[in-house]
């Protein structure tokens, strides 16, 4: 792998996002729910930035194709786990998100290990991720009370359908993974 494939602006953005995760955990552990919610919201909102920059600057790299989804999953797993632990979101909601994310991650890892041909995330998969990346910080910030409760209501308005859509897309990915595994097998022969 060439240095120009590693040292790119999009990969730098992804690394900054990863570096901000401990800050989020420190804030929520310290009871600074509003600040923690803003950091987690930023991490979710910036999810698309690295991909946009990679395409715009013509800096798509193999490392970025792996690093970006790993960062996205870490934001989900760390953010949701910390929000559950510090009682910022209901455990059932957070666990439902984590189970779905874990299932999809394991399916993709197994598929890749078995020679699956890569395929892009579906539009509904992007919509579900977007909804949940916004819902969790909004629900979390609502625990601060006062005017922040409005955001909690908004969080539930997008979080509940986002969770349902995320499970629908997880089920829809199963035949897609199987098809891409078959196609990958044929290319190997």
Protein backbone atom coordinates (compact mmCIF):
# COMPACT_ATOMS: atom_id res chain seq x y z
CA UNK A 1 0.00 0.00 0.00
CA UNK A 2 1.41 3.36 -1.04
CA UNK A 3 1.75 6.26 1.39
CA UNK A 4 -0.65 8.31 -0.78
CA UNK A 5 -3.31 5.65 -0.15
CA UNK A 6 -2.87 5.97 3.61
CA UNK A 7 -2.29 9.68 4.18
CA UNK A 8 -5.46 11.20 2.79
CA UNK A 9 -7.82 13.92 3.98
CA UNK A 10 -10.77 11.49 4.35
CA UNK A 11 -8.66 9.06 6.42
CA UNK A 12 -7.62 12.01 8.59
CA UNK A 13 -11.28 12.92 9.17
CA UNK A 14 -12.02 9.32 10.13
CA UNK A 15 -9.12 9.28 12.59
CA UNK A 16 -10.33 12.55 14.16
CA UNK A 17 -13.78 10.98 14.60
CA UNK A 18 -12.19 7.97 16.29
CA UNK A 19 -10.08 10.23 18.52
CA UNK A 20 -13.23 12.04 19.70
CA UNK A 21 -14.85 8.86 21.07
CA UNK A 22 -12.88 8.89 24.35
CA UNK A 23 -13.88 12.54 24.82
CA UNK A 24 -17.54 11.56 24.51
CA UNK A 25 -17.08 8.78 27.08
CA UNK A 26 -15.30 11.13 29.51
CA UNK A 27 -18.08 13.72 29.18
CA UNK A 28 -20.92 11.27 29.74
CA UNK A 29 -19.06 9.60 32.62
CA UNK A 30 -18.64 13.04 34.22
CA UNK A 31 -22.39 13.66 33.95
CA UNK A 32 -22.04 16.33 31.26
CA UNK A 33 -24.95 14.95 29.27
CA UNK A 34 -25.53 18.01 27.08
CA UNK A 35 -21.88 18.25 26.02
CA UNK A 36 -21.66 14.48 25.53
CA UNK A 37 -24.79 14.58 23.37
CA UNK A 38 -23.33 17.31 21.19
CA UNK A 39 -20.09 15.35 20.70
CA UNK A 40 -22.01 12.17 19.86
CA UNK A 41 -24.27 14.17 17.54
CA UNK A 42 -21.22 15.58 15.79
CA UNK A 43 -19.76 12.10 15.40
CA UNK A 44 -23.02 10.93 13.85
CA UNK A 45 -23.48 13.99 11.65
CA UNK A 46 -19.93 13.77 10.35
CA UNK A 47 -20.45 10.16 9.27
CA UNK A 48 -20.86 11.18 5.63
CA UNK A 49 -18.01 13.72 5.54
CA UNK A 50 -15.13 11.29 4.99
CA UNK A 51 -16.95 9.51 2.15
CA UNK A 52 -17.91 12.79 0.53
CA UNK A 53 -14.33 14.06 0.74
CA UNK A 54 -12.93 10.80 -0.61
CA UNK A 55 -15.09 11.09 -3.72
CA UNK A 56 -14.76 14.87 -4.09
CA UNK A 57 -10.96 14.92 -3.70
CA UNK A 58 -10.50 11.68 -5.62
CA UNK A 59 -8.87 10.12 -2.54
CA UNK A 60 -10.80 6.87 -2.32
CA UNK A 61 -8.42 4.33 -0.80
CA UNK A 62 -8.59 0.69 0.20
CA UNK A 63 -7.68 1.72 3.76
CA UNK A 64 -10.53 4.24 3.80
CA UNK A 65 -12.98 1.61 2.56
CA UNK A 66 -12.15 -0.44 5.66
CA UNK A 67 -11.45 2.34 8.17
CA UNK A 68 -14.66 4.31 7.60
CA UNK A 69 -17.09 1.44 8.31
CA UNK A 70 -14.99 0.42 11.32
CA UNK A 71 -15.22 3.99 12.65
CA UNK A 72 -18.98 4.03 12.04
CA UNK A 73 -19.43 0.76 13.95
CA UNK A 74 -17.23 1.99 16.80
CA UNK A 75 -19.27 5.19 17.08
CA UNK A 76 -22.38 3.04 17.31
CA UNK A 77 -20.98 0.48 19.75
CA UNK A 78 -19.16 2.91 22.04
CA UNK A 79 -21.81 5.63 21.88
CA UNK A 80 -24.77 3.34 22.47
CA UNK A 81 -22.98 1.24 25.11
CA UNK A 82 -21.98 4.33 27.09
CA UNK A 83 -25.48 5.80 26.75
CA UNK A 84 -26.96 2.57 28.12
CA UNK A 85 -24.41 2.31 30.93
CA UNK A 86 -24.98 5.90 32.10
CA UNK A 87 -28.77 5.53 31.69
CA UNK A 88 -29.02 8.07 28.89
CA UNK A 89 -31.15 5.80 26.73
CA UNK A 90 -33.38 2.86 27.66
CA UNK A 91 -31.45 -0.42 27.75
CA UNK A 92 -33.96 -2.20 25.48
CA UNK A 93 -33.51 0.44 22.77
CA UNK A 94 -29.73 0.45 22.98
CA UNK A 95 -29.48 -3.33 23.08
CA UNK A 96 -31.77 -3.61 20.04
CA UNK A 97 -29.41 -1.28 18.16
CA UNK A 98 -26.32 -3.20 19.30
CA UNK A 99 -27.77 -6.61 18.41
CA UNK A 100 -28.62 -5.45 14.90
CA UNK A 101 -25.24 -3.78 14.41
CA UNK A 102 -23.45 -6.86 15.74
CA UNK A 103 -25.41 -9.16 13.45
CA UNK A 104 -24.66 -7.09 10.35
CA UNK A 105 -21.00 -6.64 11.31
CA UNK A 106 -20.51 -10.38 11.85
CA UNK A 107 -22.33 -11.17 8.62
CA UNK A 108 -20.08 -8.79 6.67
CA UNK A 109 -16.90 -10.03 8.36
CA UNK A 110 -17.83 -13.65 7.68
CA UNK A 111 -18.83 -12.86 4.11
CA UNK A 112 -15.58 -11.01 3.46
CA UNK A 113 -13.55 -13.85 4.98
CA UNK A 114 -15.34 -16.28 2.65
CA UNK A 115 -14.54 -14.21 -0.44
CA UNK A 116 -17.67 -12.12 -0.74
CA UNK A 117 -17.61 -9.45 -3.39
CA UNK A 118 -17.99 -5.99 -1.81
CA UNK A 119 -21.25 -4.15 -2.32
CA UNK A 120 -22.49 -0.69 -1.32
CA UNK A 121 -24.84 -0.02 1.58
CA UNK A 122 -28.46 0.18 0.50
CA UNK A 123 -30.37 3.45 0.56
CA UNK A 124 -32.60 2.14 3.35
CA UNK A 125 -29.52 1.05 5.27
CA UNK A 126 -28.20 4.61 5.02
CA UNK A 127 -31.56 6.00 6.12
CA UNK A 128 -31.71 3.70 9.15
CA UNK A 129 -28.15 4.57 10.15
CA UNK A 130 -28.86 8.28 9.74
CA UNK A 131 -31.99 8.04 11.88
CA UNK A 132 -30.24 6.14 14.67
CA UNK A 133 -27.12 8.33 14.60
CA UNK A 134 -29.40 11.29 15.31
CA UNK A 135 -31.88 9.57 17.61
CA UNK A 136 -29.39 8.38 20.23
CA UNK A 137 -27.87 11.81 21.01
CA UNK A 138 -31.30 13.45 20.95
CA UNK A 139 -32.76 10.91 23.36
CA UNK A 140 -29.64 11.23 25.50
CA UNK A 141 -29.80 15.04 25.66
CA UNK A 142 -33.43 14.85 26.74
CA UNK A 143 -32.32 13.29 30.03
CA UNK A 144 -30.90 16.72 30.94
CA UNK A 145 -34.51 17.91 31.32
CA UNK A 146 -35.86 21.39 30.71
CA UNK A 147 -36.00 22.52 27.10
CA UNK A 148 -33.83 19.55 26.06
CA UNK A 149 -36.87 17.24 26.43
CA UNK A 150 -38.08 18.52 23.05
CA UNK A 151 -35.07 16.82 21.43
CA UNK A 152 -35.88 13.60 23.25
CA UNK A 153 -39.35 13.60 21.66
CA UNK A 154 -37.75 14.23 18.25
CA UNK A 155 -35.27 11.44 18.96
CA UNK A 156 -38.07 8.95 19.56
CA UNK A 157 -39.91 10.16 16.45
CA UNK A 158 -36.96 9.18 14.25
CA UNK A 159 -35.46 6.49 16.50
CA UNK A 160 -38.42 4.11 16.58
CA UNK A 161 -38.92 3.98 12.80
CA UNK A 162 -35.14 4.01 12.32
CA UNK A 163 -34.79 0.94 14.52
CA UNK A 164 -37.53 -0.89 12.61
CA UNK A 165 -35.96 0.07 9.28
CA UNK A 166 -32.54 -1.07 10.50
CA UNK A 167 -33.92 -4.55 11.22
CA UNK A 168 -35.73 -4.67 7.88
CA UNK A 169 -32.47 -3.83 6.08
CA UNK A 170 -30.52 -6.37 8.15
CA UNK A 171 -32.90 -9.09 6.95
CA UNK A 172 -32.68 -7.76 3.38
CA UNK A 173 -28.87 -7.95 3.50
CA UNK A 174 -28.91 -11.74 4.04
CA UNK A 175 -29.84 -12.70 0.44
CA UNK A 176 -27.59 -9.93 -0.91
CA UNK A 177 -24.62 -11.31 1.02
CA UNK A 178 -25.44 -14.83 -0.18
CA UNK A 179 -25.63 -13.63 -3.80
CA UNK A 180 -22.35 -11.76 -3.53
CA UNK A 181 -20.73 -14.79 -1.93
CA UNK A 182 -21.85 -16.92 -4.90
CA UNK A 183 -20.60 -14.28 -7.35
CA UNK A 184 -17.28 -14.05 -5.52
CA UNK A 185 -16.94 -17.85 -5.65
CA UNK A 186 -17.51 -17.87 -9.40
CA UNK A 187 -14.85 -15.19 -9.91
CA UNK A 188 -12.34 -17.26 -7.93
CA UNK A 189 -12.79 -20.37 -10.11
